[in-house]
Amino acid sequence: MSHTNQTASDEKVKLTQRELEILALIVEGHSSKHVADLLFVSKRTVDFHLDNIYQKLQVKNRMQAMQRAGRLGLLPGSV
């Protein structure tokens, strides 16, 4: 039963282009500070986007976000 609920919520996950960009850099192993430097934004901005990503993916940390995004096919090269 929860599998059906999980699938239904999975189909609704939509990340913005910036959120996908940040998630991809995090997956590569970059820190929030380094991502901020690469994107010419503040660390606070990166953390804001990460918080949004966590909420949308219904996770609590980077590792969970990477795993869930991979399962949903949101990462480059994931199916």
C-alpha atoms as a PDB file:
ATOM      1  CA  MET A   1       0.000   0.000   0.000  1.00  0.00           C
ATOM      2  CA  SER A   2       2.775   2.477   0.846  1.00  0.00           C
ATOM      3  CA  HIS A   3       4.473   1.524  -2.437  1.00  0.00           C
ATOM      4  CA  THR A   4       1.452   2.931  -4.307  1.00  0.00           C
ATOM      5  CA  ASN A   5       1.566   6.113  -2.229  1.00  0.00           C
ATOM      6  CA  GLN A   6       5.323   6.386  -2.824  1.00  0.00           C
ATOM      7  CA  THR A   7       4.855   5.978  -6.577  1.00  0.00           C
ATOM      8  CA  ALA A   8       2.114   8.599  -6.635  1.00  0.00           C
ATOM      9  CA  SER A   9       4.297  11.114  -4.796  1.00  0.00           C
ATOM     10  CA  ASP A  10       7.338  10.218  -6.959  1.00  0.00           C
ATOM     11  CA  GLU A  11       5.494  11.298 -10.104  1.00  0.00           C
ATOM     12  CA  LYS A  12       4.906  14.764  -8.658  1.00  0.00           C
ATOM     13  CA  VAL A  13       8.553  15.600  -7.918  1.00  0.00           C
ATOM     14  CA  LYS A  14       9.674  18.555 -10.019  1.00  0.00           C
ATOM     15  CA  LEU A  15      12.990  20.257  -9.379  1.00  0.00           C
ATOM     16  CA  THR A  16      13.905  23.580 -10.919  1.00  0.00           C
ATOM     17  CA  GLN A  17      16.842  23.822 -13.281  1.00  0.00           C
ATOM     18  CA  ARG A  18      18.909  25.483 -10.527  1.00  0.00           C
ATOM     19  CA  GLU A  19      17.986  22.782  -8.010  1.00  0.00           C
ATOM     20  CA  LEU A  20      19.033  20.099 -10.508  1.00  0.00           C
ATOM     21  CA  GLU A  21      22.289  21.944 -11.141  1.00  0.00           C
ATOM     22  CA  ILE A  22      23.045  22.161  -7.421  1.00  0.00           C
ATOM     23  CA  LEU A  23      22.074  18.540  -6.833  1.00  0.00           C
ATOM     24  CA  ALA A  24      24.360  17.386  -9.649  1.00  0.00           C
ATOM     25  CA  LEU A  25      27.307  19.272  -8.117  1.00  0.00           C
ATOM     26  CA  ILE A  26      26.537  17.854  -4.665  1.00  0.00           C
ATOM     27  CA  VAL A  27      26.454  14.352  -6.164  1.00  0.00           C
ATOM     28  CA  GLU A  28      29.934  15.013  -7.562  1.00  0.00           C
ATOM     29  CA  GLY A  29      31.045  15.510  -3.949  1.00  0.00           C
ATOM     30  CA  HIS A  30      31.317  19.288  -3.777  1.00  0.00           C
ATOM     31  CA  SER A  31      30.626  21.111  -0.520  1.00  0.00           C
ATOM     32  CA  SER A  32      27.944  23.791  -0.322  1.00  0.00           C
ATOM     33  CA  LYS A  33      30.683  26.427  -0.205  1.00  0.00           C
ATOM     34  CA  HIS A  34      32.382  25.068  -3.313  1.00  0.00           C
ATOM     35  CA  VAL A  35      29.056  24.832  -5.171  1.00  0.00           C
ATOM     36  CA  ALA A  36      28.401  28.444  -4.202  1.00  0.00           C
ATOM     37  CA  ASP A  37      31.792  29.481  -5.572  1.00  0.00           C
ATOM     38  CA  LEU A  38      31.236  27.563  -8.811  1.00  0.00           C
ATOM     39  CA  LEU A  39      27.800  29.135  -9.360  1.00  0.00           C
ATOM     40  CA  PHE A  40      28.779  32.636  -8.182  1.00  0.00           C
ATOM     41  CA  VAL A  41      26.157  32.671  -5.422  1.00  0.00           C
ATOM     42  CA  SER A  42      26.343  32.661  -1.634  1.00  0.00           C
ATOM     43  CA  LYS A  43      26.540  29.492   0.452  1.00  0.00           C
ATOM     44  CA  ARG A  44      23.248  30.576   1.993  1.00  0.00           C
ATOM     45  CA  THR A  45      21.636  30.497  -1.473  1.00  0.00           C
ATOM     46  CA  VAL A  46      22.930  26.973  -2.069  1.00  0.00           C
ATOM     47  CA  ASP A  47      21.634  25.868   1.339  1.00  0.00           C
ATOM     48  CA  PHE A  48      18.251  27.455   0.529  1.00  0.00           C
ATOM     49  CA  HIS A  49      18.041  25.417  -2.676  1.00  0.00           C
ATOM     50  CA  LEU A  50      19.157  22.272  -0.839  1.00  0.00           C
ATOM     51  CA  ASP A  51      16.382  22.767   1.711  1.00  0.00           C
ATOM     52  CA  ASN A  52      13.881  23.022  -1.146  1.00  0.00           C
ATOM     53  CA  ILE A  53      15.320  19.885  -2.740  1.00  0.00           C
ATOM     54  CA  TYR A  54      15.020  17.991   0.560  1.00  0.00           C
ATOM     55  CA  GLN A  55      11.390  19.073   0.939  1.00  0.00           C
ATOM     56  CA  LYS A  56      10.452  18.121  -2.608  1.00  0.00           C
ATOM     57  CA  LEU A  57      12.190  14.743  -2.367  1.00  0.00           C
ATOM     58  CA  GLN A  58      10.916  14.218   1.197  1.00  0.00           C
ATOM     59  CA  VAL A  59      14.390  13.498   2.563  1.00  0.00           C
ATOM     60  CA  LYS A  60      16.525  14.864   5.387  1.00  0.00           C
ATOM     61  CA  ASN A  61      20.094  14.895   4.074  1.00  0.00           C
ATOM     62  CA  ARG A  62      22.383  14.853   1.022  1.00  0.00           C
ATOM     63  CA  MET A  63      22.806  11.092   0.902  1.00  0.00           C
ATOM     64  CA  GLN A  64      19.050  10.487   0.944  1.00  0.00           C
ATOM     65  CA  ALA A  65      18.560  13.220  -1.660  1.00  0.00           C
ATOM     66  CA  MET A  66      21.137  11.631  -3.976  1.00  0.00           C
ATOM     67  CA  GLN A  67      19.599   8.173  -3.580  1.00  0.00           C
ATOM     68  CA  ARG A  68      16.031   9.358  -4.118  1.00  0.00           C
ATOM     69  CA  ALA A  69      16.939  11.597  -7.069  1.00  0.00           C
ATOM     70  CA  GLY A  70      18.792   8.675  -8.649  1.00  0.00           C
ATOM     71  CA  ARG A  71      15.776   6.386  -8.255  1.00  0.00           C
ATOM     72  CA  LEU A  72      13.545   9.051  -9.790  1.00  0.00           C
ATOM     73  CA  GLY A  73      15.881   9.512 -12.760  1.00  0.00           C
ATOM     74  CA  LEU A  74      16.568  13.164 -11.900  1.00  0.00           C
ATOM     75  CA  LEU A  75      20.347  12.858 -12.107  1.00  0.00           C
ATOM     76  CA  PRO A  76      22.372  12.778 -15.320  1.00  0.00           C
ATOM     77  CA  GLY A  77      22.954   9.149 -16.263  1.00  0.00           C
ATOM     78  CA  SER A  78      20.288   7.786 -13.908  1.00  0.00           C
ATOM     79  CA  VAL A  79      17.368   5.760 -15.162  1.00  0.00           C
END
